[in-house]
Amino acid sequence: MFTGIITDIGEVIGREGGRFAIRSHYDADTIELGASIACDGVCLTVTSVRADGQGAAFTLDVSNETLSRTTLGTWKPGRAINLERALKAGDELGGHLVSGHVDGMARIQSVTQDGDSVRFVLEALPNLARFIAPKGSLALDGTSLTVNEVMANRFGINLIPHTLTQTTWGRKKPGDLVNLEVDMFARYVARLLEFRS
């Protein structure tokens, strides 16, 4: 389980098929084999770890299912990614409950300045857009965000300067794909409504 509060920006430093190597600022001694780390919102399992300068480099094995449903299929060395370590009992829940089970992708349609913030408009596939509600929560590239408005398959979010500098969002541009995880409560409510008599 995660909260959608990004704790590091990592870098893809290698890829061989479905195996990725990631560099982070995390202390290598604090990462155990088998630990879960959300990488751009995708919950992945650490398969090896070593010290790398003042941080750590770790590897992850990714299934074909994950490669097809997320942006990971396009990842190449040099790509910056949002990282979050798994929630521990007693940790502050600063965002919302995020499972790291990405539902699909959304495409950025526009990026505009809005005062000190930046407004993003994104488009999701219809099967995912039905779970997105104004003032609801969702995770985009692992970042817990609040939806401003919804217009059919499109929705808007605002990002404050802190989020733009502490995540990869300050580098995003129109046309980019991001990983989308809808709010788990919305998913369960929709499922229950399917069985309404």
N, C-alpha and C. Protein backbone atom coordinates (compact mmCIF):
# COMPACT_ATOMS: atom_id res chain seq x y z
N MET A 1 0.84 -1.19 0.00
CA MET A 1 0.00 0.00 0.00
C MET A 1 0.88 1.25 0.00
N PHE A 2 0.39 2.29 -0.66
CA PHE A 2 1.11 3.55 -0.78
C PHE A 2 0.15 4.70 -0.49
N THR A 3 0.70 5.92 -0.48
CA THR A 3 -0.13 7.09 -0.20
C THR A 3 -0.18 8.07 -1.36
N GLY A 4 0.67 7.86 -2.37
CA GLY A 4 0.71 8.82 -3.48
C GLY A 4 1.54 10.04 -3.17
N ILE A 5 2.32 10.00 -2.07
CA ILE A 5 3.24 11.09 -1.75
C ILE A 5 4.63 10.64 -2.19
N ILE A 6 5.14 11.26 -3.24
CA ILE A 6 6.40 10.86 -3.85
C ILE A 6 7.56 11.22 -2.91
N THR A 7 8.49 10.27 -2.71
CA THR A 7 9.60 10.50 -1.80
C THR A 7 10.96 10.60 -2.50
N ASP A 8 10.99 10.34 -3.80
CA ASP A 8 12.26 10.45 -4.52
C ASP A 8 11.97 10.47 -6.02
N ILE A 9 12.87 11.09 -6.77
CA ILE A 9 12.85 10.97 -8.23
C ILE A 9 14.01 10.07 -8.59
N GLY A 10 13.69 8.91 -9.16
CA GLY A 10 14.71 7.96 -9.56
C GLY A 10 15.02 8.09 -11.04
N GLU A 11 15.95 7.27 -11.50
CA GLU A 11 16.34 7.28 -12.91
C GLU A 11 16.50 5.85 -13.40
N VAL A 12 15.94 5.57 -14.55
CA VAL A 12 16.15 4.27 -15.19
C VAL A 12 17.58 4.25 -15.71
N ILE A 13 18.38 3.27 -15.25
CA ILE A 13 19.78 3.21 -15.69
C ILE A 13 20.08 1.97 -16.52
N GLY A 14 19.08 1.11 -16.68
CA GLY A 14 19.30 -0.05 -17.53
C GLY A 14 18.01 -0.81 -17.76
N ARG A 15 17.95 -1.49 -18.89
CA ARG A 15 16.79 -2.34 -19.20
C ARG A 15 17.23 -3.49 -20.08
N GLU A 16 16.79 -4.68 -19.70
CA GLU A 16 16.96 -5.87 -20.53
C GLU A 16 15.62 -6.57 -20.54
N GLY A 17 14.85 -6.40 -21.63
CA GLY A 17 13.51 -6.97 -21.71
C GLY A 17 12.62 -6.41 -20.62
N GLY A 18 12.17 -7.30 -19.73
CA GLY A 18 11.30 -6.87 -18.64
C GLY A 18 12.04 -6.61 -17.34
N ARG A 19 13.36 -6.58 -17.37
CA ARG A 19 14.13 -6.28 -16.16
C ARG A 19 14.67 -4.86 -16.24
N PHE A 20 14.37 -4.07 -15.22
CA PHE A 20 14.80 -2.68 -15.17
C PHE A 20 15.75 -2.46 -14.01
N ALA A 21 16.72 -1.58 -14.22
CA ALA A 21 17.61 -1.13 -13.15
C ALA A 21 17.31 0.34 -12.88
N ILE A 22 17.13 0.67 -11.61
CA ILE A 22 16.74 2.01 -11.20
C ILE A 22 17.76 2.56 -10.22
N ARG A 23 18.15 3.83 -10.40
CA ARG A 23 19.01 4.52 -9.43
C ARG A 23 18.12 5.43 -8.58
N SER A 24 18.37 5.43 -7.27
CA SER A 24 17.58 6.27 -6.36
C SER A 24 18.50 6.91 -5.32
N HIS A 25 17.92 7.81 -4.53
CA HIS A 25 18.64 8.43 -3.42
C HIS A 25 18.43 7.66 -2.12
N TYR A 26 17.65 6.58 -2.16
CA TYR A 26 17.41 5.79 -0.96
C TYR A 26 18.70 5.12 -0.49
N ASP A 27 18.83 4.95 0.81
CA ASP A 27 19.97 4.23 1.39
C ASP A 27 19.81 2.74 1.06
N ALA A 28 20.83 2.16 0.44
CA ALA A 28 20.75 0.75 0.03
C ALA A 28 20.50 -0.17 1.21
N ASP A 29 21.00 0.19 2.39
CA ASP A 29 20.83 -0.66 3.57
C ASP A 29 19.38 -0.72 4.05
N THR A 30 18.55 0.20 3.57
CA THR A 30 17.14 0.22 4.01
C THR A 30 16.21 -0.47 3.03
N ILE A 31 16.74 -0.97 1.92
CA ILE A 31 15.92 -1.65 0.92
C ILE A 31 16.16 -3.15 1.01
N GLU A 32 15.14 -3.90 1.32
CA GLU A 32 15.27 -5.35 1.43
C GLU A 32 14.86 -6.01 0.11
N LEU A 33 15.46 -7.15 -0.18
CA LEU A 33 15.01 -7.93 -1.33
C LEU A 33 13.54 -8.29 -1.12
N GLY A 34 12.76 -8.16 -2.17
CA GLY A 34 11.33 -8.44 -2.07
C GLY A 34 10.51 -7.26 -1.63
N ALA A 35 11.15 -6.13 -1.32
CA ALA A 35 10.41 -4.92 -0.92
C ALA A 35 9.61 -4.40 -2.10
N SER A 36 8.50 -3.73 -1.79
CA SER A 36 7.67 -3.10 -2.83
C SER A 36 8.02 -1.62 -2.93
N ILE A 37 8.26 -1.17 -4.15
CA ILE A 37 8.49 0.25 -4.42
C ILE A 37 7.60 0.63 -5.59
N ALA A 38 6.86 1.72 -5.43
CA ALA A 38 6.03 2.22 -6.53
C ALA A 38 6.90 3.06 -7.44
N CYS A 39 6.95 2.67 -8.72
CA CYS A 39 7.75 3.35 -9.73
C CYS A 39 6.79 3.96 -10.75
N ASP A 40 6.68 5.29 -10.74
CA ASP A 40 5.65 5.98 -11.53
C ASP A 40 4.28 5.36 -11.25
N GLY A 41 4.07 4.98 -9.98
CA GLY A 41 2.77 4.49 -9.55
C GLY A 41 2.56 3.00 -9.67
N VAL A 42 3.52 2.28 -10.25
CA VAL A 42 3.38 0.84 -10.44
C VAL A 42 4.10 0.12 -9.29
N CYS A 43 3.37 -0.68 -8.53
CA CYS A 43 3.96 -1.43 -7.43
C CYS A 43 4.82 -2.55 -8.01
N LEU A 44 6.13 -2.50 -7.73
CA LEU A 44 7.07 -3.48 -8.25
C LEU A 44 7.93 -4.04 -7.13
N THR A 45 8.45 -5.23 -7.33
CA THR A 45 9.22 -5.94 -6.32
C THR A 45 10.72 -5.84 -6.60
N VAL A 46 11.47 -5.45 -5.58
CA VAL A 46 12.92 -5.34 -5.70
C VAL A 46 13.53 -6.74 -5.78
N THR A 47 14.32 -7.00 -6.84
CA THR A 47 14.94 -8.32 -7.02
C THR A 47 16.43 -8.32 -6.71
N SER A 48 17.05 -7.14 -6.68
CA SER A 48 18.45 -7.01 -6.23
C SER A 48 18.67 -5.56 -5.86
N VAL A 49 19.65 -5.32 -4.99
CA VAL A 49 19.95 -3.95 -4.56
C VAL A 49 21.44 -3.85 -4.25
N ARG A 50 22.01 -2.68 -4.57
CA ARG A 50 23.41 -2.43 -4.25
C ARG A 50 23.58 -0.93 -3.99
N ALA A 51 24.63 -0.60 -3.25
CA ALA A 51 24.95 0.81 -3.03
C ALA A 51 25.37 1.43 -4.35
N ASP A 52 25.01 2.69 -4.55
CA ASP A 52 25.36 3.42 -5.77
C ASP A 52 25.64 4.86 -5.36
N GLY A 53 26.90 5.20 -5.18
CA GLY A 53 27.24 6.53 -4.68
C GLY A 53 26.65 6.70 -3.29
N GLN A 54 25.87 7.77 -3.10
CA GLN A 54 25.22 8.01 -1.81
C GLN A 54 23.82 7.43 -1.76
N GLY A 55 23.42 6.73 -2.81
CA GLY A 55 22.09 6.15 -2.86
C GLY A 55 22.14 4.66 -3.14
N ALA A 56 21.16 4.20 -3.89
CA ALA A 56 21.05 2.77 -4.19
C ALA A 56 20.64 2.57 -5.64
N ALA A 57 21.06 1.43 -6.18
CA ALA A 57 20.55 0.97 -7.47
C ALA A 57 19.87 -0.35 -7.21
N PHE A 58 18.68 -0.52 -7.77
CA PHE A 58 17.95 -1.77 -7.56
C PHE A 58 17.33 -2.23 -8.86
N THR A 59 17.04 -3.53 -8.93
CA THR A 59 16.42 -4.08 -10.13
C THR A 59 15.00 -4.54 -9.83
N LEU A 60 14.20 -4.58 -10.89
CA LEU A 60 12.79 -4.96 -10.83
C LEU A 60 12.47 -5.80 -12.05
N ASP A 61 11.69 -6.84 -11.87
CA ASP A 61 11.23 -7.65 -13.01
C ASP A 61 9.77 -7.30 -13.28
N VAL A 62 9.45 -7.06 -14.54
CA VAL A 62 8.12 -6.57 -14.92
C VAL A 62 7.49 -7.55 -15.90
N SER A 63 6.24 -7.92 -15.65
CA SER A 63 5.53 -8.86 -16.51
C SER A 63 5.07 -8.19 -17.80
N ASN A 64 4.74 -9.00 -18.80
CA ASN A 64 4.21 -8.47 -20.06
C ASN A 64 2.89 -7.75 -19.84
N GLU A 65 2.07 -8.23 -18.89
CA GLU A 65 0.80 -7.56 -18.57
C GLU A 65 1.06 -6.13 -18.11
N THR A 66 2.01 -5.95 -17.22
CA THR A 66 2.34 -4.61 -16.73
C THR A 66 2.93 -3.75 -17.84
N LEU A 67 3.78 -4.32 -18.66
CA LEU A 67 4.37 -3.56 -19.77
C LEU A 67 3.30 -3.07 -20.74
N SER A 68 2.23 -3.85 -20.92
CA SER A 68 1.19 -3.48 -21.88
C SER A 68 0.18 -2.48 -21.30
N ARG A 69 0.00 -2.46 -19.99
CA ARG A 69 -1.01 -1.60 -19.37
C ARG A 69 -0.48 -0.27 -18.87
N THR A 70 0.84 -0.13 -18.81
CA THR A 70 1.45 1.04 -18.21
C THR A 70 2.46 1.67 -19.16
N THR A 71 3.07 2.75 -18.70
CA THR A 71 4.09 3.42 -19.51
C THR A 71 5.42 2.67 -19.49
N LEU A 72 5.54 1.63 -18.68
CA LEU A 72 6.83 0.95 -18.54
C LEU A 72 7.34 0.37 -19.85
N GLY A 73 6.44 0.03 -20.75
CA GLY A 73 6.84 -0.51 -22.04
C GLY A 73 7.69 0.46 -22.84
N THR A 74 7.61 1.75 -22.53
CA THR A 74 8.37 2.77 -23.27
C THR A 74 9.60 3.26 -22.51
N TRP A 75 9.80 2.76 -21.31
CA TRP A 75 10.93 3.25 -20.49
C TRP A 75 12.27 2.90 -21.11
N LYS A 76 13.19 3.90 -21.07
CA LYS A 76 14.55 3.71 -21.56
C LYS A 76 15.50 4.33 -20.54
N PRO A 77 16.77 3.92 -20.57
CA PRO A 77 17.74 4.54 -19.67
C PRO A 77 17.74 6.06 -19.81
N GLY A 78 17.82 6.74 -18.67
CA GLY A 78 17.78 8.20 -18.64
C GLY A 78 16.44 8.75 -18.22
N ARG A 79 15.40 7.92 -18.24
CA ARG A 79 14.07 8.40 -17.87
C ARG A 79 13.99 8.64 -16.36
N ALA A 80 13.44 9.79 -15.98
CA ALA A 80 13.19 10.10 -14.57
C ALA A 80 11.84 9.53 -14.18
N ILE A 81 11.76 8.93 -12.99
CA ILE A 81 10.51 8.33 -12.52
C ILE A 81 10.25 8.68 -11.07
N ASN A 82 8.96 8.79 -10.73
CA ASN A 82 8.55 9.03 -9.36
C ASN A 82 8.68 7.74 -8.56
N LEU A 83 9.21 7.85 -7.35
CA LEU A 83 9.37 6.69 -6.48
C LEU A 83 8.67 6.92 -5.15
N GLU A 84 8.08 5.85 -4.62
CA GLU A 84 7.51 5.88 -3.27
C GLU A 84 7.70 4.50 -2.65
N ARG A 85 8.20 4.48 -1.44
CA ARG A 85 8.35 3.23 -0.70
C ARG A 85 7.01 2.86 -0.09
N ALA A 86 6.84 1.57 0.19
CA ALA A 86 5.57 1.07 0.74
C ALA A 86 5.28 1.69 2.10
N LEU A 87 4.00 1.89 2.34
CA LEU A 87 3.51 2.44 3.61
C LEU A 87 3.76 1.45 4.73
N LYS A 88 4.24 1.96 5.87
CA LYS A 88 4.43 1.12 7.05
C LYS A 88 3.38 1.48 8.08
N ALA A 89 3.02 0.52 8.93
CA ALA A 89 2.05 0.79 9.99
C ALA A 89 2.54 1.97 10.82
N GLY A 90 1.65 2.94 11.03
CA GLY A 90 2.00 4.12 11.81
C GLY A 90 2.46 5.30 10.98
N ASP A 91 2.74 5.09 9.67
CA ASP A 91 3.14 6.20 8.81
C ASP A 91 1.97 7.15 8.59
N GLU A 92 2.30 8.41 8.35
CA GLU A 92 1.26 9.39 8.04
C GLU A 92 0.65 9.10 6.67
N LEU A 93 -0.67 9.15 6.60
CA LEU A 93 -1.37 8.95 5.33
C LEU A 93 -1.66 10.33 4.75
N GLY A 94 -0.66 10.87 4.04
CA GLY A 94 -0.76 12.24 3.58
C GLY A 94 -1.56 12.42 2.30
N GLY A 95 -1.65 11.38 1.47
CA GLY A 95 -2.39 11.49 0.21
C GLY A 95 -3.69 10.74 0.32
N HIS A 96 -3.81 9.63 -0.41
CA HIS A 96 -4.95 8.74 -0.26
C HIS A 96 -4.42 7.31 -0.45
N LEU A 97 -5.24 6.32 -0.13
CA LEU A 97 -4.78 4.94 -0.26
C LEU A 97 -4.58 4.58 -1.74
N VAL A 98 -3.36 4.19 -2.07
CA VAL A 98 -2.98 3.85 -3.43
C VAL A 98 -2.42 2.44 -3.40
N SER A 99 -2.92 1.58 -4.28
CA SER A 99 -2.49 0.17 -4.27
C SER A 99 -1.24 -0.08 -5.12
N GLY A 100 -1.00 0.78 -6.10
CA GLY A 100 0.08 0.54 -7.04
C GLY A 100 -0.32 -0.39 -8.17
N HIS A 101 -1.63 -0.72 -8.24
CA HIS A 101 -2.16 -1.55 -9.32
C HIS A 101 -2.77 -0.62 -10.37
N VAL A 102 -1.98 -0.23 -11.33
CA VAL A 102 -2.37 0.76 -12.33
C VAL A 102 -3.48 0.20 -13.21
N ASP A 103 -4.50 1.04 -13.45
CA ASP A 103 -5.66 0.63 -14.26
C ASP A 103 -5.43 0.83 -15.75
N GLY A 104 -4.60 1.79 -16.10
CA GLY A 104 -4.37 2.10 -17.50
C GLY A 104 -3.60 3.41 -17.61
N MET A 105 -3.71 4.04 -18.75
CA MET A 105 -2.97 5.28 -18.97
C MET A 105 -3.91 6.42 -19.35
N ALA A 106 -3.43 7.64 -19.08
CA ALA A 106 -4.12 8.85 -19.52
C ALA A 106 -3.11 9.68 -20.31
N ARG A 107 -3.62 10.47 -21.26
CA ARG A 107 -2.73 11.30 -22.07
C ARG A 107 -2.94 12.77 -21.70
N ILE A 108 -1.83 13.49 -21.52
CA ILE A 108 -1.90 14.92 -21.23
C ILE A 108 -2.32 15.66 -22.50
N GLN A 109 -3.40 16.44 -22.38
CA GLN A 109 -3.91 17.21 -23.52
C GLN A 109 -3.38 18.63 -23.54
N SER A 110 -3.25 19.24 -22.37
CA SER A 110 -2.75 20.61 -22.31
C SER A 110 -2.12 20.88 -20.96
N VAL A 111 -1.19 21.83 -20.96
CA VAL A 111 -0.49 22.28 -19.75
C VAL A 111 -0.48 23.80 -19.79
N THR A 112 -1.12 24.46 -18.81
CA THR A 112 -1.19 25.92 -18.80
C THR A 112 -0.91 26.46 -17.40
N GLN A 113 -0.27 27.63 -17.38
CA GLN A 113 -0.02 28.29 -16.10
C GLN A 113 -1.34 28.79 -15.54
N ASP A 114 -1.53 28.66 -14.24
CA ASP A 114 -2.75 29.10 -13.56
C ASP A 114 -2.34 29.74 -12.24
N GLY A 115 -1.95 31.01 -12.30
CA GLY A 115 -1.39 31.66 -11.13
C GLY A 115 -0.04 31.04 -10.82
N ASP A 116 0.17 30.64 -9.57
CA ASP A 116 1.41 29.98 -9.20
C ASP A 116 1.39 28.50 -9.50
N SER A 117 0.23 27.97 -9.81
CA SER A 117 0.07 26.55 -10.10
C SER A 117 0.10 26.32 -11.62
N VAL A 118 0.10 25.05 -11.97
CA VAL A 118 0.01 24.67 -13.39
C VAL A 118 -1.17 23.73 -13.55
N ARG A 119 -2.02 24.03 -14.53
CA ARG A 119 -3.22 23.23 -14.78
C ARG A 119 -2.94 22.25 -15.91
N PHE A 120 -3.26 20.99 -15.64
CA PHE A 120 -3.13 19.92 -16.64
C PHE A 120 -4.52 19.43 -16.99
N VAL A 121 -4.77 19.24 -18.27
CA VAL A 121 -5.99 18.56 -18.71
C VAL A 121 -5.54 17.25 -19.35
N LEU A 122 -6.15 16.16 -18.90
CA LEU A 122 -5.79 14.82 -19.39
C LEU A 122 -7.02 14.12 -19.92
N GLU A 123 -6.79 13.09 -20.73
CA GLU A 123 -7.88 12.29 -21.27
C GLU A 123 -7.63 10.82 -20.96
N ALA A 124 -8.66 10.17 -20.44
CA ALA A 124 -8.60 8.75 -20.11
C ALA A 124 -9.53 7.98 -21.03
N LEU A 125 -9.31 6.69 -21.14
CA LEU A 125 -10.23 5.85 -21.90
C LEU A 125 -11.59 5.84 -21.20
N PRO A 126 -12.69 5.68 -21.96
CA PRO A 126 -14.03 5.72 -21.36
C PRO A 126 -14.22 4.73 -20.21
N ASN A 127 -13.62 3.55 -20.30
CA ASN A 127 -13.81 2.57 -19.23
C ASN A 127 -13.17 3.01 -17.91
N LEU A 128 -12.21 3.94 -17.97
CA LEU A 128 -11.61 4.48 -16.75
C LEU A 128 -12.20 5.83 -16.37
N ALA A 129 -12.61 6.61 -17.36
CA ALA A 129 -13.16 7.94 -17.09
C ALA A 129 -14.41 7.87 -16.21
N ARG A 130 -15.14 6.78 -16.27
CA ARG A 130 -16.36 6.67 -15.47
C ARG A 130 -16.08 6.60 -13.97
N PHE A 131 -14.84 6.33 -13.59
CA PHE A 131 -14.47 6.28 -12.18
C PHE A 131 -13.94 7.62 -11.66
N ILE A 132 -13.81 8.61 -12.53
CA ILE A 132 -13.20 9.88 -12.16
C ILE A 132 -14.29 10.91 -11.89
N ALA A 133 -14.26 11.50 -10.69
CA ALA A 133 -15.29 12.44 -10.27
C ALA A 133 -14.67 13.75 -9.81
N PRO A 134 -15.37 14.87 -10.03
CA PRO A 134 -14.86 16.15 -9.52
C PRO A 134 -14.62 16.08 -8.01
N LYS A 135 -13.47 16.60 -7.60
CA LYS A 135 -13.02 16.63 -6.19
C LYS A 135 -12.70 15.24 -5.65
N GLY A 136 -12.68 14.23 -6.53
CA GLY A 136 -12.27 12.89 -6.13
C GLY A 136 -10.75 12.77 -6.22
N SER A 137 -10.23 11.67 -5.72
CA SER A 137 -8.80 11.40 -5.75
C SER A 137 -8.45 10.41 -6.85
N LEU A 138 -7.24 10.54 -7.35
CA LEU A 138 -6.66 9.54 -8.25
C LEU A 138 -5.16 9.63 -8.16
N ALA A 139 -4.48 8.62 -8.67
CA ALA A 139 -3.02 8.64 -8.69
C ALA A 139 -2.56 8.66 -10.14
N LEU A 140 -1.74 9.65 -10.47
CA LEU A 140 -1.17 9.78 -11.81
C LEU A 140 0.34 9.71 -11.68
N ASP A 141 0.95 8.75 -12.35
CA ASP A 141 2.38 8.47 -12.19
C ASP A 141 2.74 8.38 -10.71
N GLY A 142 1.82 7.79 -9.94
CA GLY A 142 2.05 7.55 -8.53
C GLY A 142 1.77 8.71 -7.61
N THR A 143 1.41 9.87 -8.16
CA THR A 143 1.18 11.07 -7.36
C THR A 143 -0.29 11.19 -7.00
N SER A 144 -0.59 11.31 -5.71
CA SER A 144 -1.96 11.49 -5.25
C SER A 144 -2.43 12.90 -5.62
N LEU A 145 -3.50 12.97 -6.41
CA LEU A 145 -3.99 14.26 -6.89
C LEU A 145 -5.51 14.35 -6.75
N THR A 146 -5.99 15.59 -6.68
CA THR A 146 -7.42 15.86 -6.60
C THR A 146 -7.92 16.33 -7.96
N VAL A 147 -9.02 15.78 -8.41
CA VAL A 147 -9.61 16.15 -9.69
C VAL A 147 -10.35 17.47 -9.54
N ASN A 148 -10.09 18.42 -10.44
CA ASN A 148 -10.81 19.70 -10.41
C ASN A 148 -12.17 19.58 -11.07
N GLU A 149 -12.15 19.16 -12.32
CA GLU A 149 -13.39 19.06 -13.09
C GLU A 149 -13.28 17.89 -14.05
N VAL A 150 -14.45 17.43 -14.50
CA VAL A 150 -14.53 16.32 -15.45
C VAL A 150 -15.40 16.74 -16.61
N MET A 151 -14.94 16.47 -17.84
CA MET A 151 -15.68 16.80 -19.05
C MET A 151 -15.61 15.58 -19.96
N ALA A 152 -16.65 14.74 -19.91
CA ALA A 152 -16.65 13.47 -20.65
C ALA A 152 -15.43 12.65 -20.25
N ASN A 153 -14.53 12.35 -21.20
CA ASN A 153 -13.34 11.54 -20.87
C ASN A 153 -12.16 12.38 -20.40
N ARG A 154 -12.34 13.69 -20.37
CA ARG A 154 -11.25 14.57 -19.96
C ARG A 154 -11.45 15.06 -18.53
N PHE A 155 -10.33 15.33 -17.88
CA PHE A 155 -10.40 15.84 -16.51
C PHE A 155 -9.22 16.77 -16.26
N GLY A 156 -9.40 17.68 -15.32
CA GLY A 156 -8.37 18.66 -15.02
C GLY A 156 -7.82 18.50 -13.61
N ILE A 157 -6.54 18.79 -13.46
CA ILE A 157 -5.89 18.81 -12.15
C ILE A 157 -5.00 20.05 -12.08
N ASN A 158 -4.73 20.54 -10.88
CA ASN A 158 -3.79 21.64 -10.68
C ASN A 158 -2.64 21.15 -9.82
N LEU A 159 -1.42 21.52 -10.18
CA LEU A 159 -0.26 21.14 -9.39
C LEU A 159 0.43 22.39 -8.87
N ILE A 160 0.73 22.37 -7.56
CA ILE A 160 1.41 23.48 -6.92
C ILE A 160 2.91 23.39 -7.21
N PRO A 161 3.64 24.51 -7.02
CA PRO A 161 5.08 24.49 -7.32
C PRO A 161 5.84 23.38 -6.59
N HIS A 162 5.51 23.08 -5.35
CA HIS A 162 6.21 22.03 -4.60
C HIS A 162 6.10 20.69 -5.33
N THR A 163 4.90 20.34 -5.77
CA THR A 163 4.69 19.07 -6.47
C THR A 163 5.46 19.06 -7.79
N LEU A 164 5.48 20.18 -8.47
CA LEU A 164 6.18 20.26 -9.76
C LEU A 164 7.68 20.04 -9.62
N THR A 165 8.26 20.48 -8.49
CA THR A 165 9.70 20.35 -8.31
C THR A 165 10.10 19.05 -7.61
N GLN A 166 9.22 18.47 -6.82
CA GLN A 166 9.56 17.27 -6.05
C GLN A 166 9.13 15.97 -6.73
N THR A 167 8.55 16.08 -7.92
CA THR A 167 8.14 14.93 -8.72
C THR A 167 8.56 15.17 -10.16
N THR A 168 8.21 14.27 -11.03
CA THR A 168 8.54 14.44 -12.46
C THR A 168 7.53 15.33 -13.18
N TRP A 169 6.50 15.81 -12.47
CA TRP A 169 5.46 16.59 -13.14
C TRP A 169 5.96 17.89 -13.77
N GLY A 170 7.02 18.46 -13.25
CA GLY A 170 7.56 19.69 -13.84
C GLY A 170 8.14 19.47 -15.22
N ARG A 171 8.33 18.20 -15.62
CA ARG A 171 8.90 17.87 -16.94
C ARG A 171 7.85 17.42 -17.95
N LYS A 172 6.59 17.32 -17.51
CA LYS A 172 5.55 16.77 -18.38
C LYS A 172 5.12 17.79 -19.43
N LYS A 173 4.66 17.25 -20.57
CA LYS A 173 4.21 18.13 -21.66
C LYS A 173 3.03 17.47 -22.39
N PRO A 174 2.28 18.25 -23.16
CA PRO A 174 1.15 17.68 -23.90
C PRO A 174 1.60 16.51 -24.77
N GLY A 175 0.77 15.46 -24.79
CA GLY A 175 1.08 14.25 -25.55
C GLY A 175 1.67 13.15 -24.70
N ASP A 176 2.23 13.50 -23.55
CA ASP A 176 2.82 12.48 -22.68
C ASP A 176 1.75 11.57 -22.10
N LEU A 177 2.08 10.29 -21.98
CA LEU A 177 1.21 9.33 -21.30
C LEU A 177 1.65 9.19 -19.85
N VAL A 178 0.67 9.05 -18.96
CA VAL A 178 0.96 8.84 -17.54
C VAL A 178 0.15 7.65 -17.05
N ASN A 179 0.66 6.99 -16.02
CA ASN A 179 -0.04 5.86 -15.42
C ASN A 179 -1.19 6.38 -14.56
N LEU A 180 -2.34 5.73 -14.69
CA LEU A 180 -3.54 6.15 -13.98
C LEU A 180 -4.05 5.02 -13.10
N GLU A 181 -4.20 5.33 -11.81
CA GLU A 181 -4.88 4.42 -10.89
C GLU A 181 -6.07 5.15 -10.32
N VAL A 182 -7.27 4.65 -10.59
CA VAL A 182 -8.47 5.31 -10.07
C VAL A 182 -8.58 5.02 -8.58
N ASP A 183 -9.35 5.84 -7.91
CA ASP A 183 -9.57 5.66 -6.48
C ASP A 183 -10.22 4.30 -6.22
N MET A 184 -9.65 3.53 -5.30
CA MET A 184 -10.16 2.17 -5.08
C MET A 184 -11.60 2.16 -4.58
N PHE A 185 -11.99 3.19 -3.85
CA PHE A 185 -13.38 3.23 -3.37
C PHE A 185 -14.34 3.43 -4.53
N ALA A 186 -13.96 4.25 -5.51
CA ALA A 186 -14.80 4.46 -6.70
C ALA A 186 -14.94 3.15 -7.46
N ARG A 187 -13.86 2.39 -7.53
CA ARG A 187 -13.89 1.11 -8.23
C ARG A 187 -14.85 0.14 -7.55
N TYR A 188 -14.81 0.07 -6.23
CA TYR A 188 -15.68 -0.87 -5.51
C TYR A 188 -17.14 -0.43 -5.56
N VAL A 189 -17.39 0.87 -5.48
CA VAL A 189 -18.76 1.36 -5.57
C VAL A 189 -19.34 1.02 -6.94
N ALA A 190 -18.56 1.24 -8.00
CA ALA A 190 -19.03 0.93 -9.36
C ALA A 190 -19.34 -0.56 -9.48
N ARG A 191 -18.50 -1.39 -8.90
CA ARG A 191 -18.72 -2.85 -8.97
C ARG A 191 -19.99 -3.22 -8.24
N LEU A 192 -20.21 -2.64 -7.07
CA LEU A 192 -21.44 -2.92 -6.31
C LEU A 192 -22.69 -2.51 -7.09
N LEU A 193 -22.61 -1.37 -7.79
CA LEU A 193 -23.76 -0.89 -8.53
C LEU A 193 -24.12 -1.82 -9.69
N GLU A 194 -23.14 -2.59 -10.18
CA GLU A 194 -23.43 -3.54 -11.25
C GLU A 194 -24.40 -4.62 -10.77
N PHE A 195 -24.45 -4.86 -9.48
CA PHE A 195 -25.30 -5.92 -8.93
C PHE A 195 -26.55 -5.37 -8.25
N ARG A 196 -26.79 -4.05 -8.44
CA ARG A 196 -27.96 -3.43 -7.83
C ARG A 196 -29.21 -4.02 -8.45
N SER A 197 -30.18 -4.35 -7.60
CA SER A 197 -31.42 -4.95 -8.13
C SER A 197 -32.48 -3.92 -8.38
